[in-house]
Amino acid sequence: MFITFALITLLGALGMLLQKNVVVAGLCMVAAFFGVAGLFVLLANPVAAALQIIVYTGAIMVLVLFVIMMLSSHQEEEAAVSHPVQRWLSVALLAVLAFGAVKLVLASPGVKALAVKGAEMPQAMTLQTVGTNLFADHLLGFEVAGLVLLAAMIGAVALTKRNL
């Protein structure tokens, strides 16, 4: 099952990156979100899977597609010159960052603990635990995320509707 959900996630993300049509790219992103939700189910976290589907696949993708459709009425001008140096520098930077990320993960205490005592099945997450953690321990971050989303929505409307 892990391979199936991982392939759905990876193929959806690759489809999103390689797609020329922005609406189809948005639908590929929905497939990637469903794959991530399946991975959450495999991690014994059905609450996160449900939130992934409801929040990201439902609300965020509707907002993204709405903004894409609002902004698509304007034609962008084509890039005049190709920059191969920037392309190769970005590939090299991506390779360095990926190598560093893999090195950090392999050196983490969690991976070392798994090697010592073996993998244990995680405990299932409940709504009570999520609510307690969200509103007791991470209330400031929750409020800041709401304000950032509000600012992004206002900015999107301001970009498309100049004569407010």
C-alpha atoms as a PDB file:
ATOM      1  CA  MET A   1       0.000   0.000   0.000  1.00  0.00           C
ATOM      2  CA  PHE A   2       2.853   2.372   0.766  1.00  0.00           C
ATOM      3  CA  ILE A   3       4.245   1.972  -2.754  1.00  0.00           C
ATOM      4  CA  THR A   4       0.813   2.693  -4.240  1.00  0.00           C
ATOM      5  CA  PHE A   5       0.231   5.876  -2.252  1.00  0.00           C
ATOM      6  CA  ALA A   6       3.832   7.009  -2.751  1.00  0.00           C
ATOM      7  CA  LEU A   7       3.504   6.544  -6.524  1.00  0.00           C
ATOM      8  CA  ILE A   8       0.211   8.451  -6.571  1.00  0.00           C
ATOM      9  CA  THR A   9       1.872  11.292  -4.664  1.00  0.00           C
ATOM     10  CA  LEU A  10       5.006  11.358  -6.815  1.00  0.00           C
ATOM     11  CA  LEU A  11       3.163  11.059 -10.137  1.00  0.00           C
ATOM     12  CA  GLY A  12       0.734  13.792  -9.116  1.00  0.00           C
ATOM     13  CA  ALA A  13       3.597  16.090  -8.116  1.00  0.00           C
ATOM     14  CA  LEU A  14       5.527  15.361 -11.321  1.00  0.00           C
ATOM     15  CA  GLY A  15       2.394  15.897 -13.377  1.00  0.00           C
ATOM     16  CA  MET A  16       1.884  19.218 -11.666  1.00  0.00           C
ATOM     17  CA  LEU A  17       5.449  20.319 -12.399  1.00  0.00           C
ATOM     18  CA  LEU A  18       5.516  19.184 -16.031  1.00  0.00           C
ATOM     19  CA  GLN A  19       2.027  20.329 -17.039  1.00  0.00           C
ATOM     20  CA  LYS A  20       1.700  23.392 -19.296  1.00  0.00           C
ATOM     21  CA  ASN A  21      -2.005  23.879 -18.569  1.00  0.00           C
ATOM     22  CA  VAL A  22      -2.417  25.396 -15.091  1.00  0.00           C
ATOM     23  CA  VAL A  23      -5.863  23.904 -14.491  1.00  0.00           C
ATOM     24  CA  VAL A  24      -4.624  20.386 -15.273  1.00  0.00           C
ATOM     25  CA  ALA A  25      -1.608  21.088 -13.049  1.00  0.00           C
ATOM     26  CA  GLY A  26      -4.030  21.977 -10.257  1.00  0.00           C
ATOM     27  CA  LEU A  27      -5.859  18.692 -10.745  1.00  0.00           C
ATOM     28  CA  CYS A  28      -2.532  16.839 -10.607  1.00  0.00           C
ATOM     29  CA  MET A  29      -1.921  18.602  -7.302  1.00  0.00           C
ATOM     30  CA  VAL A  30      -5.239  17.204  -6.066  1.00  0.00           C
ATOM     31  CA  ALA A  31      -3.996  13.696  -6.938  1.00  0.00           C
ATOM     32  CA  ALA A  32      -0.806  14.362  -4.983  1.00  0.00           C
ATOM     33  CA  PHE A  33      -2.867  15.518  -1.999  1.00  0.00           C
ATOM     34  CA  PHE A  34      -4.924  12.319  -2.114  1.00  0.00           C
ATOM     35  CA  GLY A  35      -1.714  10.291  -2.140  1.00  0.00           C
ATOM     36  CA  VAL A  36      -0.456  12.136   0.935  1.00  0.00           C
ATOM     37  CA  ALA A  37      -3.793  11.466   2.644  1.00  0.00           C
ATOM     38  CA  GLY A  38      -3.325   7.766   1.947  1.00  0.00           C
ATOM     39  CA  LEU A  39       0.133   7.923   3.487  1.00  0.00           C
ATOM     40  CA  PHE A  40      -1.380   9.493   6.594  1.00  0.00           C
ATOM     41  CA  VAL A  41      -3.827   6.583   6.833  1.00  0.00           C
ATOM     42  CA  LEU A  42      -0.898   4.158   6.674  1.00  0.00           C
ATOM     43  CA  LEU A  43       0.719   6.072   9.544  1.00  0.00           C
ATOM     44  CA  ALA A  44      -2.385   5.358  11.679  1.00  0.00           C
ATOM     45  CA  ASN A  45      -3.419   9.008  11.574  1.00  0.00           C
ATOM     46  CA  PRO A  46      -6.910   9.154  10.070  1.00  0.00           C
ATOM     47  CA  VAL A  47      -7.493  12.647  11.459  1.00  0.00           C
ATOM     48  CA  ALA A  48      -4.606  14.071   9.439  1.00  0.00           C
ATOM     49  CA  ALA A  49      -5.826  12.159   6.365  1.00  0.00           C
ATOM     50  CA  ALA A  50      -9.312  13.619   6.712  1.00  0.00           C
ATOM     51  CA  LEU A  51      -7.913  17.104   7.259  1.00  0.00           C
ATOM     52  CA  GLN A  52      -5.651  16.653   4.223  1.00  0.00           C
ATOM     53  CA  ILE A  53      -8.634  15.828   2.036  1.00  0.00           C
ATOM     54  CA  ILE A  54     -11.005  18.422   3.494  1.00  0.00           C
ATOM     55  CA  VAL A  55      -8.615  21.342   3.868  1.00  0.00           C
ATOM     56  CA  TYR A  56      -6.083  20.930   1.075  1.00  0.00           C
ATOM     57  CA  THR A  57      -7.979  19.019  -1.572  1.00  0.00           C
ATOM     58  CA  GLY A  58     -11.215  20.813  -0.886  1.00  0.00           C
ATOM     59  CA  ALA A  59     -10.630  24.356   0.252  1.00  0.00           C
ATOM     60  CA  ILE A  60      -7.099  25.235  -0.821  1.00  0.00           C
ATOM     61  CA  MET A  61      -7.407  23.743  -4.312  1.00  0.00           C
ATOM     62  CA  VAL A  62     -10.719  25.508  -4.889  1.00  0.00           C
ATOM     63  CA  LEU A  63      -9.008  28.747  -3.842  1.00  0.00           C
ATOM     64  CA  VAL A  64      -5.974  28.054  -6.050  1.00  0.00           C
ATOM     65  CA  LEU A  65      -8.077  27.174  -9.087  1.00  0.00           C
ATOM     66  CA  PHE A  66     -10.274  30.219  -8.457  1.00  0.00           C
ATOM     67  CA  VAL A  67      -7.218  32.503  -8.383  1.00  0.00           C
ATOM     68  CA  ILE A  68      -5.753  30.805 -11.479  1.00  0.00           C
ATOM     69  CA  MET A  69      -8.981  31.347 -13.368  1.00  0.00           C
ATOM     70  CA  MET A  70      -9.175  34.956 -12.188  1.00  0.00           C
ATOM     71  CA  LEU A  71      -5.599  35.686 -13.264  1.00  0.00           C
ATOM     72  CA  SER A  72      -5.717  33.772 -16.550  1.00  0.00           C
ATOM     73  CA  SER A  73      -7.600  36.574 -18.312  1.00  0.00           C
ATOM     74  CA  HIS A  74      -4.291  38.423 -18.718  1.00  0.00           C
ATOM     75  CA  GLN A  75      -1.727  37.122 -21.199  1.00  0.00           C
ATOM     76  CA  GLU A  76       1.835  36.894 -19.990  1.00  0.00           C
ATOM     77  CA  GLU A  77       4.594  37.822 -22.367  1.00  0.00           C
ATOM     78  CA  GLU A  78       6.836  35.018 -23.521  1.00  0.00           C
ATOM     79  CA  ALA A  79      10.385  34.713 -22.245  1.00  0.00           C
ATOM     80  CA  ALA A  80      12.692  36.195 -24.851  1.00  0.00           C
ATOM     81  CA  VAL A  81      16.002  34.606 -23.893  1.00  0.00           C
ATOM     82  CA  SER A  82      16.822  31.210 -22.469  1.00  0.00           C
ATOM     83  CA  HIS A  83      19.294  31.180 -19.564  1.00  0.00           C
ATOM     84  CA  PRO A  84      21.099  27.808 -19.560  1.00  0.00           C
ATOM     85  CA  VAL A  85      23.536  28.923 -16.840  1.00  0.00           C
ATOM     86  CA  GLN A  86      20.667  29.578 -14.430  1.00  0.00           C
ATOM     87  CA  ARG A  87      19.142  26.211 -15.268  1.00  0.00           C
ATOM     88  CA  TRP A  88      22.361  24.308 -14.485  1.00  0.00           C
ATOM     89  CA  LEU A  89      23.000  26.355 -11.339  1.00  0.00           C
ATOM     90  CA  SER A  90      19.511  25.562 -10.087  1.00  0.00           C
ATOM     91  CA  VAL A  91      19.993  21.836 -10.792  1.00  0.00           C
ATOM     92  CA  ALA A  92      23.325  21.894  -8.930  1.00  0.00           C
ATOM     93  CA  LEU A  93      21.764  23.767  -6.002  1.00  0.00           C
ATOM     94  CA  LEU A  94      18.884  21.295  -5.904  1.00  0.00           C
ATOM     95  CA  ALA A  95      21.337  18.373  -5.839  1.00  0.00           C
ATOM     96  CA  VAL A  96      23.310  19.938  -2.975  1.00  0.00           C
ATOM     97  CA  LEU A  97      20.152  20.645  -0.984  1.00  0.00           C
ATOM     98  CA  ALA A  98      18.805  17.128  -1.574  1.00  0.00           C
ATOM     99  CA  PHE A  99      22.117  15.589  -0.479  1.00  0.00           C
ATOM    100  CA  GLY A 100      22.121  17.765   2.665  1.00  0.00           C
ATOM    101  CA  ALA A 101      18.528  16.838   3.467  1.00  0.00           C
ATOM    102  CA  VAL A 102      19.219  13.117   3.115  1.00  0.00           C
ATOM    103  CA  LYS A 103      22.348  13.460   5.258  1.00  0.00           C
ATOM    104  CA  LEU A 104      20.404  15.310   7.985  1.00  0.00           C
ATOM    105  CA  VAL A 105      17.617  12.727   8.001  1.00  0.00           C
ATOM    106  CA  LEU A 106      20.033   9.813   8.211  1.00  0.00           C
ATOM    107  CA  ALA A 107      21.895  11.501  11.092  1.00  0.00           C
ATOM    108  CA  SER A 108      18.707  12.285  13.025  1.00  0.00           C
ATOM    109  CA  PRO A 109      18.061  10.711  16.427  1.00  0.00           C
ATOM    110  CA  GLY A 110      14.826   9.164  15.161  1.00  0.00           C
ATOM    111  CA  VAL A 111      16.550   7.094  12.490  1.00  0.00           C
ATOM    112  CA  LYS A 112      19.218   6.025  14.976  1.00  0.00           C
ATOM    113  CA  ALA A 113      16.505   4.973  17.453  1.00  0.00           C
ATOM    114  CA  LEU A 114      14.791   2.901  14.769  1.00  0.00           C
ATOM    115  CA  ALA A 115      18.054   1.107  14.052  1.00  0.00           C
ATOM    116  CA  VAL A 116      18.506   0.268  17.730  1.00  0.00           C
ATOM    117  CA  LYS A 117      15.070  -0.963  18.799  1.00  0.00           C
ATOM    118  CA  GLY A 118      13.237  -1.574  15.510  1.00  0.00           C
ATOM    119  CA  ALA A 119      10.154   0.093  14.109  1.00  0.00           C
ATOM    120  CA  GLU A 120       7.110   0.453  16.326  1.00  0.00           C
ATOM    121  CA  MET A 121       3.579   1.045  15.155  1.00  0.00           C
ATOM    122  CA  PRO A 122       2.593   4.640  15.923  1.00  0.00           C
ATOM    123  CA  GLN A 123      -0.405   5.345  18.120  1.00  0.00           C
ATOM    124  CA  ALA A 124      -3.526   6.560  16.364  1.00  0.00           C
ATOM    125  CA  MET A 125      -4.171  10.298  16.538  1.00  0.00           C
ATOM    126  CA  THR A 126      -7.548  11.383  17.902  1.00  0.00           C
ATOM    127  CA  LEU A 127      -9.465  14.608  17.394  1.00  0.00           C
ATOM    128  CA  GLN A 128      -9.072  15.434  21.078  1.00  0.00           C
ATOM    129  CA  THR A 129      -5.282  15.208  20.801  1.00  0.00           C
ATOM    130  CA  VAL A 130      -5.252  17.356  17.658  1.00  0.00           C
ATOM    131  CA  GLY A 131      -7.488  19.991  19.270  1.00  0.00           C
ATOM    132  CA  THR A 132      -5.437  20.089  22.453  1.00  0.00           C
ATOM    133  CA  ASN A 133      -2.158  20.409  20.558  1.00  0.00           C
ATOM    134  CA  LEU A 134      -3.511  22.975  18.109  1.00  0.00           C
ATOM    135  CA  PHE A 135      -5.266  25.315  20.518  1.00  0.00           C
ATOM    136  CA  ALA A 136      -3.042  24.900  23.575  1.00  0.00           C
ATOM    137  CA  ASP A 137       0.474  24.478  22.243  1.00  0.00           C
ATOM    138  CA  HIS A 138       0.303  26.089  18.790  1.00  0.00           C
ATOM    139  CA  LEU A 139      -2.337  28.796  19.077  1.00  0.00           C
ATOM    140  CA  LEU A 140      -0.072  31.622  17.894  1.00  0.00           C
ATOM    141  CA  GLY A 141       0.988  29.716  14.772  1.00  0.00           C
ATOM    142  CA  PHE A 142      -2.638  28.845  14.041  1.00  0.00           C
ATOM    143  CA  GLU A 143      -3.674  32.499  14.230  1.00  0.00           C
ATOM    144  CA  VAL A 144      -0.699  33.680  12.144  1.00  0.00           C
ATOM    145  CA  ALA A 145      -1.525  31.101   9.442  1.00  0.00           C
ATOM    146  CA  GLY A 146      -5.090  32.432   9.330  1.00  0.00           C
ATOM    147  CA  LEU A 147      -3.844  36.008   8.921  1.00  0.00           C
ATOM    148  CA  VAL A 148      -1.408  34.985   6.161  1.00  0.00           C
ATOM    149  CA  LEU A 149      -4.212  33.230   4.275  1.00  0.00           C
ATOM    150  CA  LEU A 150      -6.433  36.294   4.671  1.00  0.00           C
ATOM    151  CA  ALA A 151      -3.669  38.564   3.353  1.00  0.00           C
ATOM    152  CA  ALA A 152      -3.091  36.225   0.388  1.00  0.00           C
ATOM    153  CA  MET A 153      -6.800  36.276  -0.477  1.00  0.00           C
ATOM    154  CA  ILE A 154      -6.967  40.066  -0.265  1.00  0.00           C
ATOM    155  CA  GLY A 155      -3.818  40.320  -2.406  1.00  0.00           C
ATOM    156  CA  ALA A 156      -5.267  37.991  -5.040  1.00  0.00           C
ATOM    157  CA  VAL A 157      -8.451  40.037  -5.296  1.00  0.00           C
ATOM    158  CA  ALA A 158      -6.460  43.301  -5.377  1.00  0.00           C
ATOM    159  CA  LEU A 159      -4.284  41.974  -8.230  1.00  0.00           C
ATOM    160  CA  THR A 160      -7.244  41.008 -10.368  1.00  0.00           C
ATOM    161  CA  LYS A 161      -9.641  43.836  -9.611  1.00  0.00           C
ATOM    162  CA  ARG A 162      -7.781  47.119 -10.097  1.00  0.00           C
ATOM    163  CA  ASN A 163     -10.919  49.307  -9.919  1.00  0.00           C
ATOM    164  CA  LEU A 164     -12.121  48.566  -6.413  1.00  0.00           C
END
